[in-house]
């Protein structure tokens, strides 16, 4: 978690964006895996929610289009203007 916060610093992100992106994806996936295991052991009733979170994150990270979930949830003004 500390590494994610430190690498989120604006100067680091702008200077080493690709490095930041790959570190961020790797660390978030490790954190989500640890959270999944933790919830499986200590809060099985919350297991469904972590599956939803992981699914949304995987779609966001590996989708070829930028931010598909946000586009679906929050329509842009162009798409709302085209509807009658």
PDB file of N, CA and C in Angstrom:
ATOM      1  N   UNK A   1       0.829  -1.180   0.000  1.00  0.00           N
ATOM      2  CA  UNK A   1       0.000   0.000   0.000  1.00  0.00           C
ATOM      3  C   UNK A   1       0.877   1.248   0.000  1.00  0.00           C
ATOM      4  N   UNK A   2       1.934   1.229   0.757  1.00  0.00           N
ATOM      5  CA  UNK A   2       2.848   2.377   0.806  1.00  0.00           C
ATOM      6  C   UNK A   2       3.483   2.608  -0.556  1.00  0.00           C
ATOM      7  N   UNK A   3       3.840   1.531  -1.250  1.00  0.00           N
ATOM      8  CA  UNK A   3       4.444   1.661  -2.576  1.00  0.00           C
ATOM      9  C   UNK A   3       3.469   2.293  -3.555  1.00  0.00           C
ATOM     10  N   UNK A   4       2.205   1.912  -3.479  1.00  0.00           N
ATOM     11  CA  UNK A   4       1.205   2.516  -4.373  1.00  0.00           C
ATOM     12  C   UNK A   4       1.098   4.006  -4.097  1.00  0.00           C
ATOM     13  N   UNK A   5       1.073   4.377  -2.827  1.00  0.00           N
ATOM     14  CA  UNK A   5       0.965   5.796  -2.474  1.00  0.00           C
ATOM     15  C   UNK A   5       2.203   6.565  -2.931  1.00  0.00           C
ATOM     16  N   UNK A   6       3.381   6.012  -2.704  1.00  0.00           N
ATOM     17  CA  UNK A   6       4.616   6.710  -3.106  1.00  0.00           C
ATOM     18  C   UNK A   6       4.735   6.848  -4.621  1.00  0.00           C
ATOM     19  N   UNK A   7       4.346   5.822  -5.347  1.00  0.00           N
ATOM     20  CA  UNK A   7       4.463   5.906  -6.809  1.00  0.00           C
ATOM     21  C   UNK A   7       3.331   6.717  -7.427  1.00  0.00           C
ATOM     22  N   UNK A   8       2.337   7.057  -6.643  1.00  0.00           N
ATOM     23  CA  UNK A   8       1.254   7.907  -7.143  1.00  0.00           C
ATOM     24  C   UNK A   8       1.635   9.380  -7.157  1.00  0.00           C
ATOM     25  N   UNK A   9       2.763   9.707  -6.612  1.00  0.00           N
ATOM     26  CA  UNK A   9       3.247  11.090  -6.584  1.00  0.00           C
ATOM     27  C   UNK A   9       3.325  11.608  -8.025  1.00  0.00           C
ATOM     28  N   UNK A  10       2.819  12.796  -8.270  1.00  0.00           N
ATOM     29  CA  UNK A  10       2.683  13.349  -9.617  1.00  0.00           C
ATOM     30  C   UNK A  10       3.991  13.356 -10.394  1.00  0.00           C
ATOM     31  N   UNK A  11       5.065  13.780  -9.771  1.00  0.00           N
ATOM     32  CA  UNK A  11       6.356  13.842 -10.477  1.00  0.00           C
ATOM     33  C   UNK A  11       6.803  12.456 -10.933  1.00  0.00           C
ATOM     34  N   UNK A  12       6.616  11.460 -10.090  1.00  0.00           N
ATOM     35  CA  UNK A  12       6.997  10.091 -10.460  1.00  0.00           C
ATOM     36  C   UNK A  12       6.126   9.589 -11.607  1.00  0.00           C
ATOM     37  N   UNK A  13       4.822   9.820 -11.505  1.00  0.00           N
ATOM     38  CA  UNK A  13       3.905   9.352 -12.552  1.00  0.00           C
ATOM     39  C   UNK A  13       4.239   9.953 -13.903  1.00  0.00           C
ATOM     40  N   UNK A  14       4.531  11.237 -13.944  1.00  0.00           N
ATOM     41  CA  UNK A  14       4.816  11.884 -15.223  1.00  0.00           C
ATOM     42  C   UNK A  14       6.166  11.456 -15.791  1.00  0.00           C
ATOM     43  N   UNK A  15       7.133  11.241 -14.931  1.00  0.00           N
ATOM     44  CA  UNK A  15       8.466  10.865 -15.410  1.00  0.00           C
ATOM     45  C   UNK A  15       8.533   9.393 -15.826  1.00  0.00           C
ATOM     46  N   UNK A  16       7.831   8.540 -15.121  1.00  0.00           N
ATOM     47  CA  UNK A  16       7.924   7.092 -15.352  1.00  0.00           C
ATOM     48  C   UNK A  16       6.539   6.475 -15.463  1.00  0.00           C
ATOM     49  N   UNK A  17       5.722   6.964 -16.389  1.00  0.00           N
ATOM     50  CA  UNK A  17       4.331   6.533 -16.446  1.00  0.00           C
ATOM     51  C   UNK A  17       4.184   5.029 -16.665  1.00  0.00           C
ATOM     52  N   UNK A  18       4.896   4.475 -17.607  1.00  0.00           N
ATOM     53  CA  UNK A  18       4.778   3.033 -17.881  1.00  0.00           C
ATOM     54  C   UNK A  18       5.184   2.212 -16.664  1.00  0.00           C
ATOM     55  N   UNK A  19       6.271   2.625 -16.012  1.00  0.00           N
ATOM     56  CA  UNK A  19       6.713   1.929 -14.795  1.00  0.00           C
ATOM     57  C   UNK A  19       5.644   2.032 -13.723  1.00  0.00           C
ATOM     58  N   UNK A  20       5.120   3.247 -13.528  1.00  0.00           N
ATOM     59  CA  UNK A  20       4.049   3.454 -12.551  1.00  0.00           C
ATOM     60  C   UNK A  20       2.857   2.560 -12.850  1.00  0.00           C
ATOM     61  N   UNK A  21       2.451   2.506 -14.103  1.00  0.00           N
ATOM     62  CA  UNK A  21       1.277   1.733 -14.487  1.00  0.00           C
ATOM     63  C   UNK A  21       1.460   0.246 -14.187  1.00  0.00           C
ATOM     64  N   UNK A  22       2.607  -0.309 -14.551  1.00  0.00           N
ATOM     65  CA  UNK A  22       2.848  -1.735 -14.335  1.00  0.00           C
ATOM     66  C   UNK A  22       2.993  -2.057 -12.849  1.00  0.00           C
ATOM     67  N   UNK A  23       3.670  -1.203 -12.097  1.00  0.00           N
ATOM     68  CA  UNK A  23       3.780  -1.409 -10.647  1.00  0.00           C
ATOM     69  C   UNK A  23       2.401  -1.333 -10.014  1.00  0.00           C
ATOM     70  N   UNK A  24       1.617  -0.356 -10.424  1.00  0.00           N
ATOM     71  CA  UNK A  24       0.289  -0.162  -9.867  1.00  0.00           C
ATOM     72  C   UNK A  24      -0.609  -1.375 -10.130  1.00  0.00           C
ATOM     73  N   UNK A  25      -0.610  -1.873 -11.349  1.00  0.00           N
ATOM     74  CA  UNK A  25      -1.428  -3.038 -11.692  1.00  0.00           C
ATOM     75  C   UNK A  25      -0.983  -4.267 -10.896  1.00  0.00           C
ATOM     76  N   UNK A  26       0.322  -4.477 -10.799  1.00  0.00           N
ATOM     77  CA  UNK A  26       0.836  -5.632 -10.053  1.00  0.00           C
ATOM     78  C   UNK A  26       0.477  -5.552  -8.572  1.00  0.00           C
ATOM     79  N   UNK A  27       0.662  -4.380  -7.978  1.00  0.00           N
ATOM     80  CA  UNK A  27       0.387  -4.253  -6.549  1.00  0.00           C
ATOM     81  C   UNK A  27      -1.107  -4.309  -6.238  1.00  0.00           C
ATOM     82  N   UNK A  28      -1.918  -3.719  -7.082  1.00  0.00           N
ATOM     83  CA  UNK A  28      -3.367  -3.797  -6.856  1.00  0.00           C
ATOM     84  C   UNK A  28      -3.841  -5.238  -6.982  1.00  0.00           C
ATOM     85  N   UNK A  29      -3.298  -5.979  -7.941  1.00  0.00           N
ATOM     86  CA  UNK A  29      -3.704  -7.380  -8.072  1.00  0.00           C
ATOM     87  C   UNK A  29      -3.279  -8.193  -6.845  1.00  0.00           C
ATOM     88  N   UNK A  30      -2.105  -7.900  -6.288  1.00  0.00           N
ATOM     89  CA  UNK A  30      -1.680  -8.584  -5.059  1.00  0.00           C
ATOM     90  C   UNK A  30      -2.583  -8.217  -3.879  1.00  0.00           C
ATOM     91  N   UNK A  31      -2.930  -6.946  -3.763  1.00  0.00           N
ATOM     92  CA  UNK A  31      -3.807  -6.511  -2.676  1.00  0.00           C
ATOM     93  C   UNK A  31      -5.190  -7.145  -2.808  1.00  0.00           C
ATOM     94  N   UNK A  32      -5.726  -7.182  -4.025  1.00  0.00           N
ATOM     95  CA  UNK A  32      -7.037  -7.808  -4.229  1.00  0.00           C
ATOM     96  C   UNK A  32      -6.995  -9.309  -3.937  1.00  0.00           C
ATOM     97  N   UNK A  33      -5.902  -9.975  -4.297  1.00  0.00           N
ATOM     98  CA  UNK A  33      -5.763 -11.402  -3.997  1.00  0.00           C
ATOM     99  C   UNK A  33      -5.698 -11.635  -2.488  1.00  0.00           C
ATOM    100  N   UNK A  34      -4.940 -10.801  -1.787  1.00  0.00           N
ATOM    101  CA  UNK A  34      -4.854 -10.928  -0.328  1.00  0.00           C
ATOM    102  C   UNK A  34      -6.206 -10.661   0.326  1.00  0.00           C
ATOM    103  N   UNK A  35      -6.921  -9.673  -0.178  1.00  0.00           N
ATOM    104  CA  UNK A  35      -8.244  -9.368   0.351  1.00  0.00           C
ATOM    105  C   UNK A  35      -9.219 -10.514   0.082  1.00  0.00           C
ATOM    106  N   UNK A  36      -9.145 -11.109  -1.086  1.00  0.00           N
ATOM    107  CA  UNK A  36      -9.990 -12.252  -1.436  1.00  0.00           C
ATOM    108  C   UNK A  36      -9.749 -13.404  -0.463  1.00  0.00           C
ATOM    109  N   UNK A  37      -8.483 -13.719  -0.227  1.00  0.00           N
ATOM    110  CA  UNK A  37      -8.130 -14.811   0.693  1.00  0.00           C
ATOM    111  C   UNK A  37      -8.587 -14.480   2.112  1.00  0.00           C
ATOM    112  N   UNK A  38      -8.373 -13.248   2.530  1.00  0.00           N
ATOM    113  CA  UNK A  38      -8.776 -12.819   3.867  1.00  0.00           C
ATOM    114  C   UNK A  38     -10.291 -12.942   4.041  1.00  0.00           C
ATOM    115  N   UNK A  39     -11.042 -12.464   3.064  1.00  0.00           N
ATOM    116  CA  UNK A  39     -12.499 -12.537   3.166  1.00  0.00           C
ATOM    117  C   UNK A  39     -12.989 -13.980   3.111  1.00  0.00           C
ATOM    118  N   UNK A  40     -12.312 -14.807   2.351  1.00  0.00           N
ATOM    119  CA  UNK A  40     -12.694 -16.217   2.258  1.00  0.00           C
ATOM    120  C   UNK A  40     -12.571 -16.890   3.624  1.00  0.00           C
ATOM    121  N   UNK A  41     -11.541 -16.505   4.383  1.00  0.00           N
ATOM    122  CA  UNK A  41     -11.301 -17.118   5.683  1.00  0.00           C
ATOM    123  C   UNK A  41     -12.135 -16.499   6.804  1.00  0.00           C
ATOM    124  N   UNK A  42     -12.273 -15.163   6.785  1.00  0.00           N
ATOM    125  CA  UNK A  42     -12.839 -14.483   7.948  1.00  0.00           C
ATOM    126  C   UNK A  42     -14.212 -13.858   7.726  1.00  0.00           C
ATOM    127  N   UNK A  43     -14.624 -13.654   6.509  1.00  0.00           N
ATOM    128  CA  UNK A  43     -15.933 -13.049   6.237  1.00  0.00           C
ATOM    129  C   UNK A  43     -16.523 -13.630   4.956  1.00  0.00           C
ATOM    130  N   UNK A  44     -16.882 -14.902   4.979  1.00  0.00           N
ATOM    131  CA  UNK A  44     -17.376 -15.526   3.746  1.00  0.00           C
ATOM    132  C   UNK A  44     -18.651 -14.885   3.204  1.00  0.00           C
ATOM    133  N   UNK A  45     -19.433 -14.203   4.053  1.00  0.00           N
ATOM    134  CA  UNK A  45     -20.638 -13.545   3.559  1.00  0.00           C
ATOM    135  C   UNK A  45     -20.314 -12.319   2.710  1.00  0.00           C
ATOM    136  N   UNK A  46     -19.094 -11.821   2.758  1.00  0.00           N
ATOM    137  CA  UNK A  46     -18.674 -10.682   1.940  1.00  0.00           C
ATOM    138  C   UNK A  46     -17.955 -11.128   0.665  1.00  0.00           C
ATOM    139  N   UNK A  47     -17.849 -12.428   0.470  1.00  0.00           N
ATOM    140  CA  UNK A  47     -17.104 -12.990  -0.653  1.00  0.00           C
ATOM    141  C   UNK A  47     -17.675 -12.559  -2.004  1.00  0.00           C
ATOM    142  N   UNK A  48     -18.991 -12.439  -2.108  1.00  0.00           N
ATOM    143  CA  UNK A  48     -19.627 -12.021  -3.360  1.00  0.00           C
ATOM    144  C   UNK A  48     -19.192 -10.622  -3.751  1.00  0.00           C
ATOM    145  N   UNK A  49     -19.078  -9.723  -2.766  1.00  0.00           N
ATOM    146  CA  UNK A  49     -18.729  -8.337  -3.061  1.00  0.00           C
ATOM    147  C   UNK A  49     -17.306  -8.202  -3.588  1.00  0.00           C
ATOM    148  N   UNK A  50     -16.385  -8.979  -3.060  1.00  0.00           N
ATOM    149  CA  UNK A  50     -15.006  -8.879  -3.549  1.00  0.00           C
ATOM    150  C   UNK A  50     -14.927  -9.431  -4.972  1.00  0.00           C
ATOM    151  N   UNK A  51     -15.759 -10.429  -5.289  1.00  0.00           N
ATOM    152  CA  UNK A  51     -15.806 -10.936  -6.666  1.00  0.00           C
ATOM    153  C   UNK A  51     -16.308  -9.853  -7.617  1.00  0.00           C
ATOM    154  N   UNK A  52     -17.297  -9.071  -7.195  1.00  0.00           N
ATOM    155  CA  UNK A  52     -17.804  -7.974  -8.012  1.00  0.00           C
ATOM    156  C   UNK A  52     -16.710  -6.919  -8.218  1.00  0.00           C
ATOM    157  N   UNK A  53     -16.024  -6.560  -7.149  1.00  0.00           N
ATOM    158  CA  UNK A  53     -14.957  -5.559  -7.230  1.00  0.00           C
ATOM    159  C   UNK A  53     -13.841  -6.029  -8.152  1.00  0.00           C
ATOM    160  N   UNK A  54     -13.430  -7.281  -8.002  1.00  0.00           N
ATOM    161  CA  UNK A  54     -12.361  -7.822  -8.847  1.00  0.00           C
ATOM    162  C   UNK A  54     -12.807  -7.852 -10.308  1.00  0.00           C
ATOM    163  N   UNK A  55     -14.044  -8.228 -10.556  1.00  0.00           N
ATOM    164  CA  UNK A  55     -14.550  -8.265 -11.934  1.00  0.00           C
ATOM    165  C   UNK A  55     -14.529  -6.885 -12.579  1.00  0.00           C
ATOM    166  N   UNK A  56     -15.004  -5.885 -11.857  1.00  0.00           N
ATOM    167  CA  UNK A  56     -14.996  -4.520 -12.390  1.00  0.00           C
ATOM    168  C   UNK A  56     -13.576  -4.064 -12.648  1.00  0.00           C
ATOM    169  N   UNK A  57     -12.658  -4.343 -11.720  1.00  0.00           N
ATOM    170  CA  UNK A  57     -11.267  -3.919 -11.888  1.00  0.00           C
ATOM    171  C   UNK A  57     -10.620  -4.596 -13.095  1.00  0.00           C
ATOM    172  N   UNK A  58     -10.860  -5.880 -13.273  1.00  0.00           N
ATOM    173  CA  UNK A  58     -10.281  -6.605 -14.416  1.00  0.00           C
ATOM    174  C   UNK A  58     -10.809  -6.035 -15.728  1.00  0.00           C
ATOM    175  N   UNK A  59     -12.110  -5.750 -15.781  1.00  0.00           N
ATOM    176  CA  UNK A  59     -12.679  -5.159 -17.000  1.00  0.00           C
ATOM    177  C   UNK A  59     -12.044  -3.803 -17.275  1.00  0.00           C
ATOM    178  N   UNK A  60     -11.881  -2.988 -16.238  1.00  0.00           N
ATOM    179  CA  UNK A  60     -11.296  -1.655 -16.404  1.00  0.00           C
ATOM    180  C   UNK A  60      -9.845  -1.729 -16.875  1.00  0.00           C
ATOM    181  N   UNK A  61      -9.078  -2.618 -16.287  1.00  0.00           N
ATOM    182  CA  UNK A  61      -7.639  -2.680 -16.593  1.00  0.00           C
ATOM    183  C   UNK A  61      -7.368  -3.293 -17.956  1.00  0.00           C
ATOM    184  N   UNK A  62      -8.072  -4.352 -18.294  1.00  0.00           N
ATOM    185  CA  UNK A  62      -7.742  -5.092 -19.506  1.00  0.00           C
ATOM    186  C   UNK A  62      -8.643  -4.791 -20.697  1.00  0.00           C
ATOM    187  N   UNK A  63      -9.513  -3.827 -20.564  1.00  0.00           N
ATOM    188  CA  UNK A  63     -10.375  -3.448 -21.676  1.00  0.00           C
ATOM    189  C   UNK A  63      -9.604  -2.583 -22.669  1.00  0.00           C
ATOM    190  N   UNK A  64      -9.810  -2.786 -23.979  1.00  0.00           N
ATOM    191  CA  UNK A  64      -9.118  -1.953 -24.965  1.00  0.00           C
ATOM    192  C   UNK A  64      -9.646  -0.518 -24.998  1.00  0.00           C
ATOM    193  N   UNK A  65     -10.888  -0.319 -24.559  1.00  0.00           N
ATOM    194  CA  UNK A  65     -11.459   1.022 -24.521  1.00  0.00           C
ATOM    195  C   UNK A  65     -11.211   1.655 -23.154  1.00  0.00           C
ATOM    196  N   UNK A  66     -10.989   2.946 -23.119  1.00  0.00           N
ATOM    197  CA  UNK A  66     -10.764   3.578 -21.828  1.00  0.00           C
ATOM    198  C   UNK A  66     -12.040   3.624 -20.994  1.00  0.00           C
ATOM    199  N   UNK A  67     -11.931   3.170 -19.772  1.00  0.00           N
ATOM    200  CA  UNK A  67     -12.978   3.256 -18.761  1.00  0.00           C
ATOM    201  C   UNK A  67     -14.362   2.810 -19.235  1.00  0.00           C
ATOM    202  N   UNK A  68     -14.537   1.547 -19.623  1.00  0.00           N
ATOM    203  CA  UNK A  68     -15.840   1.113 -20.121  1.00  0.00           C
ATOM    204  C   UNK A  68     -16.939   1.126 -19.060  1.00  0.00           C
ATOM    205  N   UNK A  69     -16.608   0.834 -17.821  1.00  0.00           N
ATOM    206  CA  UNK A  69     -17.615   0.794 -16.760  1.00  0.00           C
ATOM    207  C   UNK A  69     -18.146   2.198 -16.499  1.00  0.00           C
ATOM    208  N   UNK A  70     -17.259   3.168 -16.428  1.00  0.00           N
ATOM    209  CA  UNK A  70     -17.680   4.540 -16.195  1.00  0.00           C
ATOM    210  C   UNK A  70     -18.546   5.020 -17.355  1.00  0.00           C
ATOM    211  N   UNK A  71     -18.196   4.643 -18.571  1.00  0.00           N
ATOM    212  CA  UNK A  71     -18.975   5.037 -19.745  1.00  0.00           C
ATOM    213  C   UNK A  71     -20.384   4.453 -19.676  1.00  0.00           C
ATOM    214  N   UNK A  72     -20.502   3.245 -19.190  1.00  0.00           N
ATOM    215  CA  UNK A  72     -21.817   2.613 -19.075  1.00  0.00           C
ATOM    216  C   UNK A  72     -22.623   3.254 -17.940  1.00  0.00           C
ATOM    217  N   UNK A  73     -21.981   3.471 -16.803  1.00  0.00           N
ATOM    218  CA  UNK A  73     -22.691   3.986 -15.636  1.00  0.00           C
ATOM    219  C   UNK A  73     -23.029   5.471 -15.744  1.00  0.00           C
ATOM    220  N   UNK A  74     -22.142   6.244 -16.350  1.00  0.00           N
ATOM    221  CA  UNK A  74     -22.343   7.691 -16.457  1.00  0.00           C
ATOM    222  C   UNK A  74     -22.313   8.058 -17.934  1.00  0.00           C
ATOM    223  N   UNK A  75     -23.477   8.189 -18.569  1.00  0.00           N
ATOM    224  CA  UNK A  75     -23.481   8.515 -20.003  1.00  0.00           C
ATOM    225  C   UNK A  75     -22.914   9.919 -20.259  1.00  0.00           C
ATOM    226  N   UNK A  76     -22.208  10.038 -21.358  1.00  0.00           N
ATOM    227  CA  UNK A  76     -21.638  11.327 -21.719  1.00  0.00           C
ATOM    228  C   UNK A  76     -22.722  12.227 -22.308  1.00  0.00           C
ATOM    229  N   UNK A  77     -22.424  13.500 -22.422  1.00  0.00           N
ATOM    230  CA  UNK A  77     -23.412  14.426 -22.967  1.00  0.00           C
ATOM    231  C   UNK A  77     -23.695  14.146 -24.437  1.00  0.00           C
ATOM    232  N   UNK A  78     -22.696  13.603 -25.176  1.00  0.00           N
ATOM    233  CA  UNK A  78     -22.889  13.278 -26.587  1.00  0.00           C
ATOM    234  C   UNK A  78     -23.912  12.162 -26.760  1.00  0.00           C
ATOM    235  N   UNK A  79     -23.835  11.137 -25.902  1.00  0.00           N
ATOM    236  CA  UNK A  79     -24.772  10.030 -26.038  1.00  0.00           C
ATOM    237  C   UNK A  79     -26.162  10.431 -25.554  1.00  0.00           C
ATOM    238  N   UNK A  80     -26.252  11.294 -24.556  1.00  0.00           N
ATOM    239  CA  UNK A  80     -27.575  11.719 -24.087  1.00  0.00           C
ATOM    240  C   UNK A  80     -28.191  12.739 -25.039  1.00  0.00           C
ATOM    241  N   UNK A  81     -27.364  13.480 -25.797  1.00  0.00           N
ATOM    242  CA  UNK A  81     -27.881  14.443 -26.749  1.00  0.00           C
ATOM    243  C   UNK A  81     -28.467  13.760 -27.977  1.00  0.00           C
ATOM    244  N   UNK A  82     -27.963  12.571 -28.310  1.00  0.00           N
ATOM    245  CA  UNK A  82     -28.435  11.878 -29.506  1.00  0.00           C
ATOM    246  C   UNK A  82     -29.789  11.210 -29.284  1.00  0.00           C
ATOM    247  N   UNK A  83     -30.157  10.950 -28.029  1.00  0.00           N
ATOM    248  CA  UNK A  83     -31.443  10.329 -27.781  1.00  0.00           C
ATOM    249  C   UNK A  83     -32.553  11.382 -27.849  1.00  0.00           C
ATOM    250  N   UNK A  84     -33.752  11.003 -28.352  1.00  0.00           N
ATOM    251  CA  UNK A  84     -34.824  11.989 -28.545  1.00  0.00           C
ATOM    252  C   UNK A  84     -35.425  12.489 -27.255  1.00  0.00           C
TER     253      UNK A  84
END
